[in-house]
Protein backbone atom coordinates (compact mmCIF):
# COMPACT_ATOMS: atom_id res chain seq x y z
CA UNK A 1 15.78 -11.44 10.09
CA UNK A 2 12.64 -12.84 11.67
CA UNK A 3 10.03 -10.59 10.06
CA UNK A 4 6.55 -10.56 11.54
CA UNK A 5 3.94 -9.62 8.92
CA UNK A 6 0.29 -8.82 9.60
CA UNK A 7 -2.37 -9.13 6.91
CA UNK A 8 -1.20 -12.36 5.30
CA UNK A 9 -4.79 -13.22 4.43
CA UNK A 10 -4.92 -10.05 2.32
CA UNK A 11 -3.47 -9.16 -1.06
CA UNK A 12 -0.17 -7.30 -0.63
CA UNK A 13 1.18 -9.03 2.47
CA UNK A 14 1.65 -12.44 0.77
CA UNK A 15 3.69 -10.73 -1.95
CA UNK A 16 5.81 -9.09 0.73
CA UNK A 17 6.26 -12.47 2.42
CA UNK A 18 7.54 -14.00 -0.83
CA UNK A 19 9.97 -11.12 -1.31
CA UNK A 20 11.19 -11.42 2.28
CA UNK A 21 11.78 -15.15 1.97
CA UNK A 22 13.64 -14.61 -1.29
CA UNK A 23 16.02 -12.37 0.65
CA UNK A 24 16.59 -15.04 3.26
CA UNK A 25 14.28 -13.67 5.95
CA UNK A 26 12.07 -15.90 8.06
CA UNK A 27 8.44 -14.81 7.87
CA UNK A 28 6.19 -14.96 10.92
CA UNK A 29 2.48 -14.53 10.39
CA UNK A 30 0.25 -12.66 12.82
CA UNK A 31 -3.50 -12.22 12.93
CA UNK A 32 -3.95 -8.87 14.66
CA UNK A 33 -7.41 -9.97 15.80
CA UNK A 34 -5.74 -12.57 18.01
CA UNK A 35 -3.88 -9.84 19.88
CA UNK A 36 -7.11 -7.94 20.45
CA UNK A 37 -8.77 -11.06 21.87
CA UNK A 38 -5.86 -11.76 24.22
CA UNK A 39 -5.66 -8.32 25.80
CA UNK A 40 -2.45 -6.26 26.24
CA UNK A 41 -0.51 -8.38 28.81
CA UNK A 42 -1.14 -11.71 27.10
CA UNK A 43 -0.61 -10.15 23.67
CA UNK A 44 2.81 -8.86 24.76
CA UNK A 45 3.78 -12.32 26.01
CA UNK A 46 2.61 -13.86 22.74
CA UNK A 47 4.69 -11.41 20.71
CA UNK A 48 7.71 -11.95 22.95
CA UNK A 49 7.48 -15.68 22.25
CA UNK A 50 7.60 -15.02 18.49
CA UNK A 51 10.93 -13.16 18.86
CA UNK A 52 10.60 -10.99 15.72
CA UNK A 53 13.44 -8.75 14.58
CA UNK A 54 11.05 -6.40 12.78
CA UNK A 55 7.36 -5.90 12.02
CA UNK A 56 5.58 -5.12 8.75
CA UNK A 57 2.02 -4.09 9.55
CA UNK A 58 -0.19 -4.47 6.48
CA UNK A 59 -3.42 -5.63 8.11
CA UNK A 60 -6.62 -3.59 7.99
CA UNK A 61 -6.45 -2.77 11.69
CA UNK A 62 -7.83 0.29 13.44
CA UNK A 63 -5.72 3.04 14.98
CA UNK A 64 -5.75 1.61 18.50
CA UNK A 65 -4.73 -1.91 17.49
CA UNK A 66 -2.01 -0.56 15.21
CA UNK A 67 -0.67 1.72 17.94
CA UNK A 68 -0.52 -1.13 20.45
CA UNK A 69 1.53 -3.24 18.06
CA UNK A 70 3.80 -0.30 17.26
CA UNK A 71 4.28 0.46 20.95
CA UNK A 72 5.32 -3.12 21.63
CA UNK A 73 7.92 -2.84 18.86
CA UNK A 74 9.12 0.54 20.14
CA UNK A 75 9.71 -0.78 23.66
CA UNK A 76 11.98 -3.43 22.16
CA UNK A 77 13.67 -1.04 19.71
CA UNK A 78 12.46 -3.05 16.71
CA UNK A 79 11.93 -1.56 13.24
CA UNK A 80 8.29 -1.16 12.29
CA UNK A 81 6.77 -0.38 8.90
CA UNK A 82 3.09 0.16 8.16
CA UNK A 83 1.26 0.78 4.92
CA UNK A 84 -1.00 3.78 4.53
CA UNK A 85 -2.68 5.16 1.43
CA UNK A 86 -2.81 7.97 -1.11
CA UNK A 87 -6.41 8.36 0.02
CA UNK A 88 -5.33 10.37 3.06
CA UNK A 89 -5.43 13.23 0.51
CA UNK A 90 -8.66 14.63 -0.93
CA UNK A 91 -8.76 15.75 -4.57
CA UNK A 92 -9.00 19.38 -3.46
CA UNK A 93 -6.40 20.80 -3.46
CA UNK A 94 -5.10 18.83 -6.40
CA UNK A 95 -1.86 16.83 -6.38
CA UNK A 96 0.78 15.67 -6.77
CA UNK A 97 0.67 15.35 -3.00
CA UNK A 98 3.86 15.88 -1.01
CA UNK A 99 4.73 13.99 2.16
CA UNK A 100 4.12 17.05 4.31
CA UNK A 101 0.87 18.18 2.70
CA UNK A 102 -2.24 18.43 4.86
CA UNK A 103 -4.09 15.12 5.00
CA UNK A 104 -7.63 16.21 4.28
CA UNK A 105 -9.48 12.98 3.51
CA UNK A 106 -13.25 13.25 3.79
CA UNK A 107 -14.23 9.57 3.41
CA UNK A 108 -14.17 7.11 6.30
CA UNK A 109 -11.35 5.00 4.84
CA UNK A 110 -8.99 7.92 4.31
CA UNK A 111 -9.78 9.48 7.67
CA UNK A 112 -9.22 6.14 9.36
CA UNK A 113 -5.79 5.89 7.79
CA UNK A 114 -4.95 9.43 8.94
CA UNK A 115 -5.83 8.41 12.49
CA UNK A 116 -3.75 5.25 12.20
CA UNK A 117 -0.74 7.15 10.87
CA UNK A 118 -0.90 9.52 13.82
CA UNK A 119 -1.40 6.76 16.38
CA UNK A 120 1.53 4.72 15.08
CA UNK A 121 3.84 7.74 14.89
CA UNK A 122 3.01 8.61 18.50
CA UNK A 123 3.54 5.04 19.70
CA UNK A 124 6.75 4.42 17.73
CA UNK A 125 8.56 7.64 16.75
CA UNK A 126 11.02 5.65 14.61
CA UNK A 127 8.33 3.82 12.65
CA UNK A 128 8.23 3.91 8.86
CA UNK A 129 4.85 4.97 7.47
CA UNK A 130 4.56 4.18 3.76
CA UNK A 131 1.77 5.66 1.67
CA UNK A 132 0.96 3.64 -1.42
CA UNK A 133 -1.53 3.84 -4.27
CA UNK A 134 -3.62 1.31 -6.16
CA UNK A 135 -1.68 -1.93 -6.45
CA UNK A 136 -1.25 -3.98 -9.63
CA UNK A 137 -0.51 -7.70 -9.77
CA UNK A 138 -0.53 -10.05 -12.78
CA UNK A 139 -2.23 -12.79 -10.76
CA UNK A 140 -5.30 -10.52 -10.64
CA UNK A 141 -6.62 -11.82 -7.36
CA UNK A 142 -7.82 -9.90 -4.34
CA UNK A 143 -7.85 -6.14 -4.03
CA UNK A 144 -5.78 -5.05 -7.00
CA UNK A 145 -6.26 -3.03 -10.15
CA UNK A 146 -6.29 -5.86 -12.69
CA UNK A 147 -8.88 -7.80 -10.73
CA UNK A 148 -11.08 -4.72 -10.46
CA UNK A 149 -10.85 -3.94 -14.16
CA UNK A 150 -11.66 -7.55 -15.01
CA UNK A 151 -14.74 -7.27 -12.80
CA UNK A 152 -15.83 -4.03 -14.48
CA UNK A 153 -15.58 -5.67 -17.90
CA UNK A 154 -17.48 -8.73 -16.68
CA UNK A 155 -20.32 -6.87 -14.95
CA UNK A 156 -20.58 -3.67 -17.00
CA UNK A 157 -19.40 -4.80 -20.41
CA UNK A 158 -16.70 -2.13 -20.49
CA UNK A 159 -13.81 -0.59 -18.61
CA UNK A 160 -14.52 3.10 -18.12
CA UNK A 161 -11.31 5.06 -17.52
CA UNK A 162 -10.77 8.75 -16.94
CA UNK A 163 -8.22 10.74 -18.91
CA UNK A 164 -8.44 13.39 -16.17
CA UNK A 165 -7.18 11.13 -13.37
CA UNK A 166 -3.51 10.42 -12.72
CA UNK A 167 -3.59 7.63 -10.15
CA UNK A 168 -0.96 6.75 -7.61
CA UNK A 169 -0.14 3.11 -8.38
CA UNK A 170 2.61 0.49 -8.44
CA UNK A 171 3.11 -3.19 -9.09
CA UNK A 172 2.87 -5.21 -5.90
CA UNK A 173 6.25 -6.87 -6.39
CA UNK A 174 7.90 -3.44 -6.59
CA UNK A 175 5.99 -2.20 -3.55
CA UNK A 176 7.08 -5.26 -1.58
CA UNK A 177 10.74 -4.61 -2.33
CA UNK A 178 10.30 -0.99 -1.30
CA UNK A 179 8.71 -2.00 2.00
CA UNK A 180 11.67 -4.23 2.83
CA UNK A 181 14.02 -1.32 2.21
CA UNK A 182 11.91 1.20 4.11
CA UNK A 183 11.47 -1.03 7.17
CA UNK A 184 14.64 0.48 8.61
CA UNK A 185 14.10 4.04 7.35
CA UNK A 186 12.02 5.98 9.90
CA UNK A 187 9.55 8.63 8.79
CA UNK A 188 6.78 9.06 6.25
CA UNK A 189 7.49 7.85 2.73
CA UNK A 190 5.67 7.82 -0.59
CA UNK A 191 5.83 4.82 -2.94
CA UNK A 192 4.34 5.48 -6.38
CA UNK A 193 5.52 4.18 -9.76
CA UNK A 194 3.48 6.89 -11.49
CA UNK A 195 4.95 9.79 -9.53
CA UNK A 196 7.40 10.95 -12.19
CA UNK A 197 5.72 9.84 -15.43
CA UNK A 198 2.14 10.91 -14.80
CA UNK A 199 0.16 8.31 -16.74
CA UNK A 200 -3.55 9.01 -16.92
CA UNK A 201 -5.86 6.20 -15.90
CA UNK A 202 -7.03 5.82 -19.50
CA UNK A 203 -3.42 5.44 -20.70
CA UNK A 204 -2.71 2.97 -17.93
CA UNK A 205 -5.74 0.79 -18.68
CA UNK A 206 -4.80 0.62 -22.37
CA UNK A 207 -1.23 -0.38 -21.48
CA UNK A 208 -2.39 -3.01 -18.99
CA UNK A 209 -4.66 -4.53 -21.63
CA UNK A 210 -1.67 -4.87 -23.97
CA UNK A 211 0.76 -6.15 -21.35
CA UNK A 212 -1.54 -8.63 -19.62
CA UNK A 213 -3.55 -10.11 -22.49
CA UNK A 214 -6.76 -8.23 -21.81
CA UNK A 215 -7.61 -7.55 -25.45
CA UNK A 216 -11.26 -8.29 -24.66
CA UNK A 217 -11.57 -5.20 -22.49
CA UNK A 218 -13.82 -2.59 -24.05
CA UNK A 219 -12.17 0.68 -23.04
CA UNK A 220 -14.40 3.74 -22.72
CA UNK A 221 -12.48 6.94 -22.07
CA UNK A 222 -14.18 9.78 -20.19
CA UNK A 223 -13.15 12.94 -18.36
CA UNK A 224 -14.79 12.46 -14.97
CA UNK A 225 -12.92 12.30 -11.66
CA UNK A 226 -10.30 14.96 -12.36
CA UNK A 227 -7.51 14.41 -9.84
CA UNK A 228 -3.74 14.27 -9.94
CA UNK A 229 -3.44 11.72 -7.14
CA UNK A 230 0.29 11.07 -7.53
CA UNK A 231 2.43 10.81 -4.42
CA UNK A 232 5.31 13.24 -4.87
CA UNK A 233 8.69 11.63 -4.33
CA UNK A 234 7.24 8.16 -4.72
CA UNK A 235 9.48 7.38 -7.68
CA UNK A 236 12.55 7.15 -5.42
CA UNK A 237 11.69 3.69 -4.15
CA UNK A 238 10.13 1.85 -7.12
CA UNK A 239 10.68 1.55 -10.88
CA UNK A 240 8.44 3.68 -13.12
CA UNK A 241 5.41 2.19 -14.82
CA UNK A 242 7.23 2.28 -18.14
CA UNK A 243 9.71 -0.29 -16.82
CA UNK A 244 6.90 -2.85 -16.86
CA UNK A 245 4.50 -1.45 -19.45
CA UNK A 246 6.75 0.19 -22.02
CA UNK A 247 5.78 3.45 -23.66
CA UNK A 248 2.31 4.91 -23.62
């Protein structure tokens, strides 16, 4: 398969590209900003010249740009997968959040993702929309949990972690494999390695420190930010956290 991936300058898309190549797929990169600069007719000709067999849309694009890319794929009957976020759900009502629950985000990021989900679904009814949580990667670069926790320790002298928060989260390598599988499975899906086990953030931080040689982290446990953010059903597509971190 010739798989066109947007967002390769980001954090998760390069991991997806590695997983795709390992499966024998040819990866085509695409900067979605180029399409916007070209305009619809020229953008369509550019995409036609790339001859992709499927599209994985991971870039931080707005609803309109995402819908235009999805519509191009739909007209050519190509599979299309996009990543969304657990943050389409507010903490009230509490989770775990099911696929069909009302998306009631109040922040700009979450509301933007709601709009993008709707725009893509309208443009490509057979698209796969995959909601994911906070991503974890041992390389600890870019927008991922380990990098953030390292930064907290560096700048604040501690890693403050709530025992009242159960985050949606997965390792990037596992998420990438799930995205490859879900590319050809239309509908809305949840991907969450914490969905079944329900680790608290405090438990997760302690386990990450053990597993990834972060003994220098100074863990401070608190009870703020009470939210069961888990994405119900997300365990169907990825291994549980315990598969990588052992027992709590």
